[in-house]
Structures are given as C-alpha cells and as structure tokens.
PDB file of N, CA and C in Angstrom:
ATOM      1  N   MET A   1      76.238  19.123 103.045  1.00  0.00           N
ATOM      2  CA  MET A   1      75.465  18.719 104.250  1.00  0.00           C
ATOM      3  C   MET A   1      74.856  20.034 104.765  1.00  0.00           C
ATOM      4  N   GLY A   2      73.552  20.047 105.179  1.00  0.00           N
ATOM      5  CA  GLY A   2      72.629  20.956 105.799  1.00  0.00           C
ATOM      6  C   GLY A   2      72.312  21.231 106.828  1.00  0.00           C
ATOM      7  N   ALA A   3      73.063  19.795 107.500  1.00  0.00           N
ATOM      8  CA  ALA A   3      71.985  20.052 109.210  1.00  0.00           C
ATOM      9  C   ALA A   3      72.862  21.002 109.856  1.00  0.00           C
ATOM     10  N   TYR A   4      73.722  22.263 109.724  1.00  0.00           N
ATOM     11  CA  TYR A   4      73.987  22.782 110.198  1.00  0.00           C
ATOM     12  C   TYR A   4      73.544  23.361 111.715  1.00  0.00           C
ATOM     13  N   TYR A   5      73.963  23.911 112.878  1.00  0.00           N
ATOM     14  CA  TYR A   5      73.590  24.332 113.958  1.00  0.00           C
ATOM     15  C   TYR A   5      73.371  25.720 113.867  1.00  0.00           C
ATOM     16  N   ASP A   6      73.694  26.407 113.136  1.00  0.00           N
ATOM     17  CA  ASP A   6      73.521  27.723 112.558  1.00  0.00           C
ATOM     18  C   ASP A   6      75.093  28.106 111.667  1.00  0.00           C
ATOM     19  N   GLU A   7      74.358  29.552 111.425  1.00  0.00           N
ATOM     20  CA  GLU A   7      75.181  30.107 110.377  1.00  0.00           C
ATOM     21  C   GLU A   7      75.862  31.485 110.297  1.00  0.00           C
ATOM     22  N   ILE A   8      77.233  31.245 111.331  1.00  0.00           N
ATOM     23  CA  ILE A   8      77.264  32.625 112.085  1.00  0.00           C
ATOM     24  C   ILE A   8      79.052  33.493 111.275  1.00  0.00           C
ATOM     25  N   GLU A   9      78.495  34.552 111.354  1.00  0.00           N
ATOM     26  CA  GLU A   9      79.528  35.685 110.066  1.00  0.00           C
ATOM     27  C   GLU A   9      81.132  35.650 110.783  1.00  0.00           C
ATOM     28  N   ILE A  10      82.096  35.542 109.997  1.00  0.00           N
ATOM     29  CA  ILE A  10      83.459  35.769 110.268  1.00  0.00           C
ATOM     30  C   ILE A  10      84.097  36.997 111.612  1.00  0.00           C
ATOM     31  N   GLU A  11      82.819  37.797 111.152  1.00  0.00           N
ATOM     32  CA  GLU A  11      82.878  38.809 112.163  1.00  0.00           C
ATOM     33  C   GLU A  11      82.453  38.966 113.524  1.00  0.00           C
ATOM     34  N   ASP A  12      81.477  38.183 113.892  1.00  0.00           N
ATOM     35  CA  ASP A  12      81.062  37.856 114.944  1.00  0.00           C
ATOM     36  C   ASP A  12      81.862  36.739 115.515  1.00  0.00           C
ATOM     37  N   MET A  13      82.934  36.315 115.209  1.00  0.00           N
ATOM     38  CA  MET A  13      83.673  35.169 115.913  1.00  0.00           C
ATOM     39  C   MET A  13      84.846  35.644 116.204  1.00  0.00           C
ATOM     40  N   ALA A  14      86.021  35.282 117.636  1.00  0.00           N
ATOM     41  CA  ALA A  14      87.024  35.752 117.821  1.00  0.00           C
ATOM     42  C   ALA A  14      88.290  35.200 117.503  1.00  0.00           C
ATOM     43  N   TRP A  15      89.126  35.317 117.392  1.00  0.00           N
ATOM     44  CA  TRP A  15      90.504  35.026 116.945  1.00  0.00           C
ATOM     45  C   TRP A  15      91.513  34.981 118.157  1.00  0.00           C
ATOM     46  N   ASP A  16      91.448  33.221 117.921  1.00  0.00           N
ATOM     47  CA  ASP A  16      92.318  33.256 119.217  1.00  0.00           C
ATOM     48  C   ASP A  16      94.232  32.988 118.722  1.00  0.00           C
ATOM     49  N   GLU A  17      95.063  33.628 119.255  1.00  0.00           N
ATOM     50  CA  GLU A  17      96.164  33.757 118.692  1.00  0.00           C
ATOM     51  C   GLU A  17      97.274  32.474 119.204  1.00  0.00           C
ATOM     52  N   VAL A  18      97.046  32.236 120.301  1.00  0.00           N
ATOM     53  CA  VAL A  18      97.465  30.723 121.015  1.00  0.00           C
ATOM     54  C   VAL A  18      97.115  29.557 120.283  1.00  0.00           C
ATOM     55  N   LYS A  19      96.003  29.512 119.984  1.00  0.00           N
ATOM     56  CA  LYS A  19      95.844  28.424 119.189  1.00  0.00           C
ATOM     57  C   LYS A  19      95.646  28.269 117.742  1.00  0.00           C
ATOM     58  N   GLY A  20      95.382  29.657 116.934  1.00  0.00           N
ATOM     59  CA  GLY A  20      95.711  30.245 115.967  1.00  0.00           C
ATOM     60  C   GLY A  20      93.782  30.023 115.144  1.00  0.00           C
ATOM     61  N   VAL A  21      93.212  29.776 115.695  1.00  0.00           N
ATOM     62  CA  VAL A  21      91.894  29.586 115.439  1.00  0.00           C
ATOM     63  C   VAL A  21      90.329  30.838 115.551  1.00  0.00           C
ATOM     64  N   TYR A  22      89.662  30.752 114.699  1.00  0.00           N
ATOM     65  CA  TYR A  22      88.869  31.612 114.901  1.00  0.00           C
ATOM     66  C   TYR A  22      87.791  30.696 116.047  1.00  0.00           C
ATOM     67  N   HIS A  23      86.973  31.367 117.099  1.00  0.00           N
ATOM     68  CA  HIS A  23      86.334  30.428 117.726  1.00  0.00           C
ATOM     69  C   HIS A  23      84.998  31.135 117.805  1.00  0.00           C
ATOM     70  N   TYR A  24      83.671  30.425 118.391  1.00  0.00           N
ATOM     71  CA  TYR A  24      82.379  31.146 118.668  1.00  0.00           C
ATOM     72  C   TYR A  24      82.112  29.787 119.720  1.00  0.00           C
ATOM     73  N   PRO A  25      81.762  30.633 120.935  1.00  0.00           N
ATOM     74  CA  PRO A  25      80.531  29.909 121.834  1.00  0.00           C
ATOM     75  C   PRO A  25      79.761  28.625 121.667  1.00  0.00           C
ATOM     76  N   CYS A  26      80.095  27.354 121.833  1.00  0.00           N
ATOM     77  CA  CYS A  26      79.106  26.978 121.887  1.00  0.00           C
ATOM     78  C   CYS A  26      77.904  26.454 122.450  1.00  0.00           C
ATOM     79  N   PRO A  27      76.685  25.652 122.372  1.00  0.00           N
ATOM     80  CA  PRO A  27      75.818  25.131 123.380  1.00  0.00           C
ATOM     81  C   PRO A  27      76.066  24.496 124.521  1.00  0.00           C
ATOM     82  N   CYS A  28      77.042  23.807 124.103  1.00  0.00           N
ATOM     83  CA  CYS A  28      77.652  22.495 124.874  1.00  0.00           C
ATOM     84  C   CYS A  28      78.298  23.315 125.939  1.00  0.00           C
ATOM     85  N   GLY A  29      79.033  24.260 125.767  1.00  0.00           N
ATOM     86  CA  GLY A  29      79.930  25.461 127.206  1.00  0.00           C
ATOM     87  C   GLY A  29      81.208  25.300 126.555  1.00  0.00           C
ATOM     88  N   ASP A  30      81.844  24.677 125.517  1.00  0.00           N
ATOM     89  CA  ASP A  30      83.065  25.138 124.269  1.00  0.00           C
ATOM     90  C   ASP A  30      82.791  25.639 123.523  1.00  0.00           C
ATOM     91  N   ARG A  31      83.334  25.272 122.064  1.00  0.00           N
ATOM     92  CA  ARG A  31      83.071  26.390 121.782  1.00  0.00           C
ATOM     93  C   ARG A  31      83.809  25.628 119.921  1.00  0.00           C
ATOM     94  N   PHE A  32      83.251  26.456 119.070  1.00  0.00           N
ATOM     95  CA  PHE A  32      83.133  26.517 117.657  1.00  0.00           C
ATOM     96  C   PHE A  32      84.684  26.587 117.505  1.00  0.00           C
ATOM     97  N   GLU A  33      85.461  25.966 116.173  1.00  0.00           N
ATOM     98  CA  GLU A  33      86.568  26.359 115.939  1.00  0.00           C
ATOM     99  C   GLU A  33      86.956  26.278 114.534  1.00  0.00           C
ATOM    100  N   ILE A  34      87.418  27.051 113.849  1.00  0.00           N
ATOM    101  CA  ILE A  34      87.986  27.343 112.333  1.00  0.00           C
ATOM    102  C   ILE A  34      88.993  28.191 112.244  1.00  0.00           C
ATOM    103  N   SER A  35      90.248  27.063 111.872  1.00  0.00           N
ATOM    104  CA  SER A  35      91.266  27.955 111.422  1.00  0.00           C
ATOM    105  C   SER A  35      91.576  28.679 110.249  1.00  0.00           C
ATOM    106  N   ARG A  36      92.419  29.758 109.681  1.00  0.00           N
ATOM    107  CA  ARG A  36      93.060  30.305 108.867  1.00  0.00           C
ATOM    108  C   ARG A  36      93.669  29.226 107.935  1.00  0.00           C
ATOM    109  N   LYS A  37      94.117  28.196 108.271  1.00  0.00           N
ATOM    110  CA  LYS A  37      94.088  26.945 107.043  1.00  0.00           C
ATOM    111  C   LYS A  37      92.911  26.341 106.264  1.00  0.00           C
ATOM    112  N   GLN A  38      91.907  26.776 106.707  1.00  0.00           N
ATOM    113  CA  GLN A  38      91.034  25.571 106.465  1.00  0.00           C
ATOM    114  C   GLN A  38      90.006  27.157 105.722  1.00  0.00           C
ATOM    115  N   LEU A  39      89.732  28.405 106.452  1.00  0.00           N
ATOM    116  CA  LEU A  39      89.632  29.277 105.873  1.00  0.00           C
ATOM    117  C   LEU A  39      90.106  29.620 104.264  1.00  0.00           C
ATOM    118  N   THR A  40      91.187  29.729 103.793  1.00  0.00           N
ATOM    119  CA  THR A  40      92.289  29.526 102.956  1.00  0.00           C
ATOM    120  C   THR A  40      92.062  28.408 101.763  1.00  0.00           C
ATOM    121  N   ASN A  41      91.422  27.210 102.325  1.00  0.00           N
ATOM    122  CA  ASN A  41      90.992  26.094 101.763  1.00  0.00           C
ATOM    123  C   ASN A  41      89.556  26.542 100.790  1.00  0.00           C
ATOM    124  N   CYS A  42      89.208  27.460 101.397  1.00  0.00           N
ATOM    125  CA  CYS A  42      87.376  27.902 101.442  1.00  0.00           C
ATOM    126  C   CYS A  42      86.603  26.542 102.181  1.00  0.00           C
ATOM    127  N   GLU A  43      87.578  25.681 102.794  1.00  0.00           N
ATOM    128  CA  GLU A  43      86.173  25.248 103.822  1.00  0.00           C
ATOM    129  C   GLU A  43      85.360  26.034 104.728  1.00  0.00           C
ATOM    130  N   ASP A  44      84.194  25.702 105.028  1.00  0.00           N
ATOM    131  CA  ASP A  44      83.127  26.857 105.718  1.00  0.00           C
ATOM    132  C   ASP A  44      82.857  26.122 106.679  1.00  0.00           C
ATOM    133  N   ILE A  45      82.908  24.922 107.529  1.00  0.00           N
ATOM    134  CA  ILE A  45      82.708  24.548 108.457  1.00  0.00           C
ATOM    135  C   ILE A  45      83.310  24.401 109.677  1.00  0.00           C
ATOM    136  N   ALA A  46      82.786  24.892 110.893  1.00  0.00           N
ATOM    137  CA  ALA A  46      83.788  25.401 112.037  1.00  0.00           C
ATOM    138  C   ALA A  46      82.622  23.440 113.059  1.00  0.00           C
ATOM    139  N   THR A  47      83.452  23.134 113.664  1.00  0.00           N
ATOM    140  CA  THR A  47      83.551  22.202 114.413  1.00  0.00           C
ATOM    141  C   THR A  47      83.674  22.465 115.827  1.00  0.00           C
ATOM    142  N   CYS A  48      82.555  21.861 116.663  1.00  0.00           N
ATOM    143  CA  CYS A  48      83.164  22.132 118.056  1.00  0.00           C
ATOM    144  C   CYS A  48      84.311  20.593 118.817  1.00  0.00           C
ATOM    145  N   PRO A  49      84.997  20.695 119.175  1.00  0.00           N
ATOM    146  CA  PRO A  49      85.577  19.236 119.539  1.00  0.00           C
ATOM    147  C   PRO A  49      84.851  18.420 120.404  1.00  0.00           C
ATOM    148  N   SER A  50      83.789  19.190 121.532  1.00  0.00           N
ATOM    149  CA  SER A  50      83.422  18.655 122.780  1.00  0.00           C
ATOM    150  C   SER A  50      82.114  17.588 122.468  1.00  0.00           C
ATOM    151  N   CYS A  51      81.387  18.402 120.866  1.00  0.00           N
ATOM    152  CA  CYS A  51      79.807  17.977 120.755  1.00  0.00           C
ATOM    153  C   CYS A  51      79.967  17.300 119.223  1.00  0.00           C
ATOM    154  N   SER A  52      78.658  17.256 118.865  1.00  0.00           N
ATOM    155  CA  SER A  52      78.736  17.031 116.923  1.00  0.00           C
ATOM    156  C   SER A  52      78.279  18.152 116.380  1.00  0.00           C
ATOM    157  N   LEU A  53      77.895  19.290 117.342  1.00  0.00           N
ATOM    158  CA  LEU A  53      77.564  20.233 116.233  1.00  0.00           C
ATOM    159  C   LEU A  53      78.406  21.125 115.493  1.00  0.00           C
ATOM    160  N   ILE A  54      77.709  20.808 114.175  1.00  0.00           N
ATOM    161  CA  ILE A  54      78.569  22.569 113.470  1.00  0.00           C
ATOM    162  C   ILE A  54      78.263  23.113 112.756  1.00  0.00           C
ATOM    163  N   ILE A  55      79.034  24.825 113.132  1.00  0.00           N
ATOM    164  CA  ILE A  55      77.984  25.684 111.527  1.00  0.00           C
ATOM    165  C   ILE A  55      78.987  26.101 110.817  1.00  0.00           C
ATOM    166  N   ARG A  56      78.052  26.874 109.742  1.00  0.00           N
ATOM    167  CA  ARG A  56      78.474  27.381 108.955  1.00  0.00           C
ATOM    168  C   ARG A  56      79.358  28.554 109.122  1.00  0.00           C
ATOM    169  N   VAL A  57      80.139  28.958 108.524  1.00  0.00           N
ATOM    170  CA  VAL A  57      81.364  30.122 108.860  1.00  0.00           C
ATOM    171  C   VAL A  57      80.810  30.911 107.890  1.00  0.00           C
ATOM    172  N   VAL A  58      80.108  31.804 107.483  1.00  0.00           N
ATOM    173  CA  VAL A  58      80.000  33.306 106.445  1.00  0.00           C
ATOM    174  C   VAL A  58      81.296  34.022 106.683  1.00  0.00           C
ATOM    175  N   TYR A  59      81.756  34.014 105.215  1.00  0.00           N
ATOM    176  CA  TYR A  59      83.210  34.944 104.894  1.00  0.00           C
ATOM    177  C   TYR A  59      83.140  35.110 103.668  1.00  0.00           C
ATOM    178  N   ASP A  60      84.174  35.923 103.360  1.00  0.00           N
ATOM    179  CA  ASP A  60      84.754  36.118 102.137  1.00  0.00           C
ATOM    180  C   ASP A  60      85.760  35.714 101.449  1.00  0.00           C
ATOM    181  N   PRO A  61      85.844  34.809 100.704  1.00  0.00           N
ATOM    182  CA  PRO A  61      87.206  33.673 100.177  1.00  0.00           C
ATOM    183  C   PRO A  61      88.159  34.338  99.876  1.00  0.00           C
ATOM    184  N   LEU A  62      88.150  35.223  98.927  1.00  0.00           N
ATOM    185  CA  LEU A  62      88.939  36.762  98.809  1.00  0.00           C
ATOM    186  C   LEU A  62      89.689  37.222  99.832  1.00  0.00           C
ATOM    187  N   ASP A  63      89.268  37.326 101.047  1.00  0.00           N
ATOM    188  CA  ASP A  63      89.926  37.912 101.938  1.00  0.00           C
ATOM    189  C   ASP A  63      91.340  36.670 102.881  1.00  0.00           C
ATOM    190  N   PHE A  64      90.783  35.371 102.175  1.00  0.00           N
ATOM    191  CA  PHE A  64      91.745  34.647 102.828  1.00  0.00           C
ATOM    192  C   PHE A  64      92.430  34.481 101.702  1.00  0.00           C
ATOM    193  N   GLU A  65      92.669  34.496 100.370  1.00  0.00           N
ATOM    194  CA  GLU A  65      93.708  33.930  98.898  1.00  0.00           C
ATOM    195  C   GLU A  65      95.156  34.478  99.182  1.00  0.00           C
ATOM    196  N   ASP A  66      95.338  35.822 100.011  1.00  0.00           N
ATOM    197  CA  ASP A  66      96.778  35.875  99.925  1.00  0.00           C
ATOM    198  C   ASP A  66      97.131  35.258 100.826  1.00  0.00           C
ATOM    199  N   GLU A  67      96.947  34.145 101.470  1.00  0.00           N
ATOM    200  CA  GLU A  67      97.778  33.697 102.472  1.00  0.00           C
ATOM    201  C   GLU A  67      98.114  32.110 101.645  1.00  0.00           C
ATOM    202  N   SER A  68      99.031  31.560 102.380  1.00  0.00           N
ATOM    203  CA  SER A  68      98.916  29.809 101.442  1.00  0.00           C
ATOM    204  C   SER A  68      98.557  29.224 102.188  1.00  0.00           C
ATOM    205  N   PRO A  69      98.316  28.459 101.996  1.00  0.00           N
ATOM    206  CA  PRO A  69      96.879  27.081 102.510  1.00  0.00           C
ATOM    207  C   PRO A  69      97.903  26.365 103.803  1.00  0.00           C
ATOM    208  N   ASP A  70      99.549  26.287 103.741  1.00  0.00           N
ATOM    209  CA  ASP A  70     100.110  26.311 104.652  1.00  0.00           C
ATOM    210  C   ASP A  70      99.996  27.381 105.828  1.00  0.00           C
ATOM    211  N   ASP A  71      99.568  28.740 105.523  1.00  0.00           N
ATOM    212  CA  ASP A  71      99.605  29.375 106.897  1.00  0.00           C
ATOM    213  C   ASP A  71      98.677  29.127 107.417  1.00  0.00           C
ATOM    214  N   GLU A  72      99.311  29.461 108.925  1.00  0.00           N
ATOM    215  CA  GLU A  72      98.826  29.380 109.831  1.00  0.00           C
ATOM    216  C   GLU A  72      98.536  30.686 110.921  1.00  0.00           C
ATOM    217  N   GLY A  73      99.881  32.070 110.727  1.00  0.00           N
ATOM    218  CA  GLY A  73     100.310  32.956 111.966  1.00  0.00           C
ATOM    219  C   GLY A  73      99.447  33.986 110.896  1.00  0.00           C
ATOM    220  N   SER A  74     100.100  35.479 111.302  1.00  0.00           N
ATOM    221  CA  SER A  74      99.222  36.501 110.489  1.00  0.00           C
ATOM    222  C   SER A  74     100.020  36.531 109.649  1.00  0.00           C
ATOM    223  N   ALA A  75      99.027  36.984 108.205  1.00  0.00           N
ATOM    224  CA  ALA A  75     100.155  36.842 106.802  1.00  0.00           C
ATOM    225  C   ALA A  75      99.822  38.342 106.802  1.00  0.00           C
ATOM    226  N   SER A  76      99.135  39.478 106.874  1.00  0.00           N
ATOM    227  CA  SER A  76      99.451  41.162 107.080  1.00  0.00           C
ATOM    228  C   SER A  76     100.904  41.650 107.335  1.00  0.00           C
ATOM    229  N   GLN A  77     101.620  40.884 108.359  1.00  0.00           N
ATOM    230  CA  GLN A  77     102.506  41.551 109.049  1.00  0.00           C
ATOM    231  C   GLN A  77     103.520  40.921 107.502  1.00  0.00           C
ATOM    232  N   GLY A  78     104.141  39.639 107.822  1.00  0.00           N
ATOM    233  CA  GLY A  78     104.647  39.467 106.771  1.00  0.00           C
ATOM    234  C   GLY A  78     104.627  39.573 105.925  1.00  0.00           C
ATOM    235  N   SER A  79     103.350  39.273 104.647  1.00  0.00           N
ATOM    236  CA  SER A  79     103.295  39.758 103.329  1.00  0.00           C
ATOM    237  C   SER A  79     103.772  40.946 102.875  1.00  0.00           C
ATOM    238  N   GLU A  80     103.896  41.970 103.976  1.00  0.00           N
ATOM    239  CA  GLU A  80     104.387  43.564 103.480  1.00  0.00           C
ATOM    240  C   GLU A  80     106.378  43.382 103.617  1.00  0.00           C
ATOM    241  N   GLU A  81     106.365  42.083 104.547  1.00  0.00           N
ATOM    242  CA  GLU A  81     108.257  42.286 104.602  1.00  0.00           C
ATOM    243  C   GLU A  81     108.373  41.694 102.994  1.00  0.00           C
ATOM    244  N   ASP A  82     107.507  40.600 103.071  1.00  0.00           N
ATOM    245  CA  ASP A  82     108.094  39.730 101.497  1.00  0.00           C
ATOM    246  C   ASP A  82     108.457  40.246 100.361  1.00  0.00           C
ATOM    247  N   GLU A  83     106.942  41.498 100.472  1.00  0.00           N
ATOM    248  CA  GLU A  83     107.078  42.316  98.983  1.00  0.00           C
ATOM    249  C   GLU A  83     108.059  42.661  99.149  1.00  0.00           C
ATOM    250  N   GLU A  84     108.356  43.699  99.834  1.00  0.00           N
ATOM    251  CA  GLU A  84     110.134  44.541 100.212  1.00  0.00           C
ATOM    252  C   GLU A  84     110.713  43.287  99.571  1.00  0.00           C
ATOM    253  N   GLU A  85     110.657  42.663 100.360  1.00  0.00           N
ATOM    254  CA  GLU A  85     112.368  41.342  99.875  1.00  0.00           C
ATOM    255  C   GLU A  85     112.081  41.290  98.723  1.00  0.00           C
ATOM    256  N   SER A  86     111.217  40.845  98.304  1.00  0.00           N
ATOM    257  CA  SER A  86     111.067  40.364  96.053  1.00  0.00           C
ATOM    258  C   SER A  86     111.189  41.688  95.573  1.00  0.00           C
ATOM    259  N   ASP A  87     110.712  43.000  96.135  1.00  0.00           N
ATOM    260  CA  ASP A  87     111.149  44.194  95.451  1.00  0.00           C
ATOM    261  C   ASP A  87     113.004  43.989  95.196  1.00  0.00           C
ATOM    262  N   ASN A  88     113.293  44.201  96.448  1.00  0.00           N
ATOM    263  CA  ASN A  88     114.991  44.803  96.401  1.00  0.00           C
ATOM    264  C   ASN A  88     115.030  43.354  95.254  1.00  0.00           C
ATOM    265  N   SER A  89     115.008  41.887  95.563  1.00  0.00           N
ATOM    266  CA  SER A  89     115.677  40.937  94.671  1.00  0.00           C
ATOM    267  C   SER A  89     115.575  41.253  93.085  1.00  0.00           C
ATOM    268  N   ASP A  90     114.361  41.518  92.521  1.00  0.00           N
ATOM    269  CA  ASP A  90     114.123  42.012  91.058  1.00  0.00           C
ATOM    270  C   ASP A  90     114.849  43.261  91.189  1.00  0.00           C
ATOM    271  N   ASP A  91     115.003  44.350  92.107  1.00  0.00           N
ATOM    272  CA  ASP A  91     115.731  45.239  91.632  1.00  0.00           C
ATOM    273  C   ASP A  91     117.292  44.519  91.418  1.00  0.00           C
ATOM    274  N   ASP A  92     117.475  43.909  91.937  1.00  0.00           N
ATOM    275  CA  ASP A  92     119.291  43.033  92.389  1.00  0.00           C
ATOM    276  C   ASP A  92     119.004  42.205  90.589  1.00  0.00           C
ATOM    277  N   GLN A  93     118.339  42.090  90.248  1.00  0.00           N
ATOM    278  CA  GLN A  93     118.222  40.842  89.062  1.00  0.00           C
ATOM    279  C   GLN A  93     118.114  42.085  88.118  1.00  0.00           C
ATOM    280  N   PHE A  94     117.821  42.968  87.965  1.00  0.00           N
ATOM    281  CA  PHE A  94     117.445  44.290  86.770  1.00  0.00           C
ATOM    282  C   PHE A  94     118.926  44.426  86.752  1.00  0.00           C
ATOM    283  N   GLU A  95     119.700  44.628  87.787  1.00  0.00           N
ATOM    284  CA  GLU A  95     120.581  45.577  87.853  1.00  0.00           C
ATOM    285  C   GLU A  95     121.767  44.456  87.435  1.00  0.00           C
ATOM    286  N   ASP A  96     121.679  43.239  87.678  1.00  0.00           N
ATOM    287  CA  ASP A  96     123.330  42.264  87.280  1.00  0.00           C
ATOM    288  C   ASP A  96     122.540  41.718  85.848  1.00  0.00           C
ATOM    289  N   ALA A  97     121.418  42.162  85.317  1.00  0.00           N
ATOM    290  CA  ALA A  97     121.417  41.945  84.018  1.00  0.00           C
ATOM    291  C   ALA A  97     121.936  43.933  83.256  1.00  0.00           C
ATOM    292  N   LEU A  98     121.129  44.757  83.766  1.00  0.00           N
ATOM    293  CA  LEU A  98     122.195  45.747  83.149  1.00  0.00           C
ATOM    294  C   LEU A  98     123.972  45.400  82.799  1.00  0.00           C
ATOM    295  N   GLU A  99     124.355  45.163  84.268  1.00  0.00           N
ATOM    296  CA  GLU A  99     125.786  45.233  83.929  1.00  0.00           C
ATOM    297  C   GLU A  99     126.722  44.097  82.778  1.00  0.00           C
ATOM    298  N   LYS A 100     125.832  42.587  82.778  1.00  0.00           N
ATOM    299  CA  LYS A 100     125.855  41.887  82.103  1.00  0.00           C
ATOM    300  C   LYS A 100     125.824  42.553  80.196  1.00  0.00           C
ATOM    301  N   LEU A 101     124.859  43.221  80.439  1.00  0.00           N
ATOM    302  CA  LEU A 101     124.752  43.255  78.696  1.00  0.00           C
ATOM    303  C   LEU A 101     125.808  44.616  77.892  1.00  0.00           C
ATOM    304  N   THR A 102     125.918  44.358  77.065  1.00  0.00           N
ATOM    305  CA  THR A 102     126.478  44.640  76.027  1.00  0.00           C
ATOM    306  C   THR A 102     125.999  45.489  74.604  1.00  0.00           C
ATOM    307  N   LEU A 103     125.726  46.522  73.915  1.00  0.00           N
ATOM    308  CA  LEU A 103     126.014  46.845  73.003  1.00  0.00           C
ATOM    309  C   LEU A 103     127.218  47.122  72.227  1.00  0.00           C
ATOM    310  N   THR A 104     126.919  46.631  71.131  1.00  0.00           N
ATOM    311  CA  THR A 104     127.520  47.025  69.933  1.00  0.00           C
ATOM    312  C   THR A 104     127.105  48.215  69.026  1.00  0.00           C
ATOM    313  N   GLU A 105     128.197  48.504  68.180  1.00  0.00           N
ATOM    314  CA  GLU A 105     127.450  49.805  67.361  1.00  0.00           C
ATOM    315  C   GLU A 105     128.133  48.914  65.699  1.00  0.00           C
ATOM    316  N   PRO A 106     126.919  49.308  64.432  1.00  0.00           N
ATOM    317  CA  PRO A 106     127.339  48.039  63.574  1.00  0.00           C
ATOM    318  C   PRO A 106     128.457  49.030  62.677  1.00  0.00           C
ATOM    319  N   SER A 107     129.461  48.323  62.291  1.00  0.00           N
ATOM    320  CA  SER A 107     131.191  48.862  61.708  1.00  0.00           C
ATOM    321  C   SER A 107     130.892  49.591  61.088  1.00  0.00           C
ATOM    322  N   ALA A 108     131.453  50.380  60.234  1.00  0.00           N
ATOM    323  CA  ALA A 108     131.359  51.795  59.719  1.00  0.00           C
ATOM    324  C   ALA A 108     131.255  51.040  58.194  1.00  0.00           C
ATOM    325  N   THR A 109     131.978  50.464  57.729  1.00  0.00           N
ATOM    326  CA  THR A 109     131.710  49.269  56.548  1.00  0.00           C
ATOM    327  C   THR A 109     130.480  48.825  56.403  1.00  0.00           C
ATOM    328  N   LEU A 110     129.940  48.054  57.134  1.00  0.00           N
ATOM    329  CA  LEU A 110     128.484  47.660  56.750  1.00  0.00           C
ATOM    330  C   LEU A 110     127.746  48.950  56.631  1.00  0.00           C
ATOM    331  N   VAL A 111     127.367  50.039  57.193  1.00  0.00           N
ATOM    332  CA  VAL A 111     126.736  51.423  56.996  1.00  0.00           C
ATOM    333  C   VAL A 111     126.996  51.828  55.689  1.00  0.00           C
ATOM    334  N   ALA A 112     128.272  51.876  55.327  1.00  0.00           N
ATOM    335  CA  ALA A 112     128.899  52.375  54.056  1.00  0.00           C
ATOM    336  C   ALA A 112     128.469  51.361  52.561  1.00  0.00           C
ATOM    337  N   THR A 113     127.824  49.914  53.248  1.00  0.00           N
ATOM    338  CA  THR A 113     127.236  49.180  51.457  1.00  0.00           C
ATOM    339  C   THR A 113     125.696  49.219  51.998  1.00  0.00           C
ATOM    340  N   ALA A 114     125.493  49.400  53.293  1.00  0.00           N
ATOM    341  CA  ALA A 114     124.106  49.670  52.746  1.00  0.00           C
ATOM    342  C   ALA A 114     123.531  50.520  52.447  1.00  0.00           C
ATOM    343  N   ALA A 115     123.888  51.740  52.274  1.00  0.00           N
ATOM    344  CA  ALA A 115     123.945  53.199  51.917  1.00  0.00           C
ATOM    345  C   ALA A 115     124.177  53.002  50.228  1.00  0.00           C
TER     346      ALA A 115
END
C-alpha cells in the first residue's frame, strides 16, 4: 500500500491509556489510532475512524517483541513481576529435584574386583 497521508514516528504519537492506543491528530479533526497489539504484530498502519486517511507509523518492532500479541496493557510492569515469579518457580523446581536426588556409593566388592 503506497497511498499514506504521512509517515509519523511513534515518538511523535501520544499514548492513550484509556483506549490502549497510540494516536496522532488527523486533518479531519479526529485522530489516527494504532494499538500495541497491532505494533506487536508488525502492523504499521494507523487509521482514522472518521475518514479514509491512513498514516504509516515508523517504529522499531524490536521495542514490542517482548509483548505477547494479545497484550493491550503496559508490559513493563507485568514483565518484571512475571520474571520474578518464573525465577521463583525455577528455584522451587531445582530444590524439588535436589530433594529427590539420591546418590549411591559403589559397593566395596565391585571396587575391589576392578582393581
């Protein structure tokens, strides 16, 4: 698609926490909108709900790769908590494995026959 009204960098757009979208003023008086989900899916087209104009959003897809495609909220707060929880569960699994671990010494008769 090559008929963009304009190309706008994501830094020039405003984040609307209520609607969960980035927005930018449209000449018709409404605003172009694009969600984090769209950005995570590498979609770079922001549409205006009131007219047929579209803009291309210039952004780094790597900035959104840590978010799951169905995330709409802020990922920065949740991801830190999730990492702590997953670290704890890994530690718990490791401790469980250590509790179940049994070490046996080779019997003296086998050592004597091997020598």
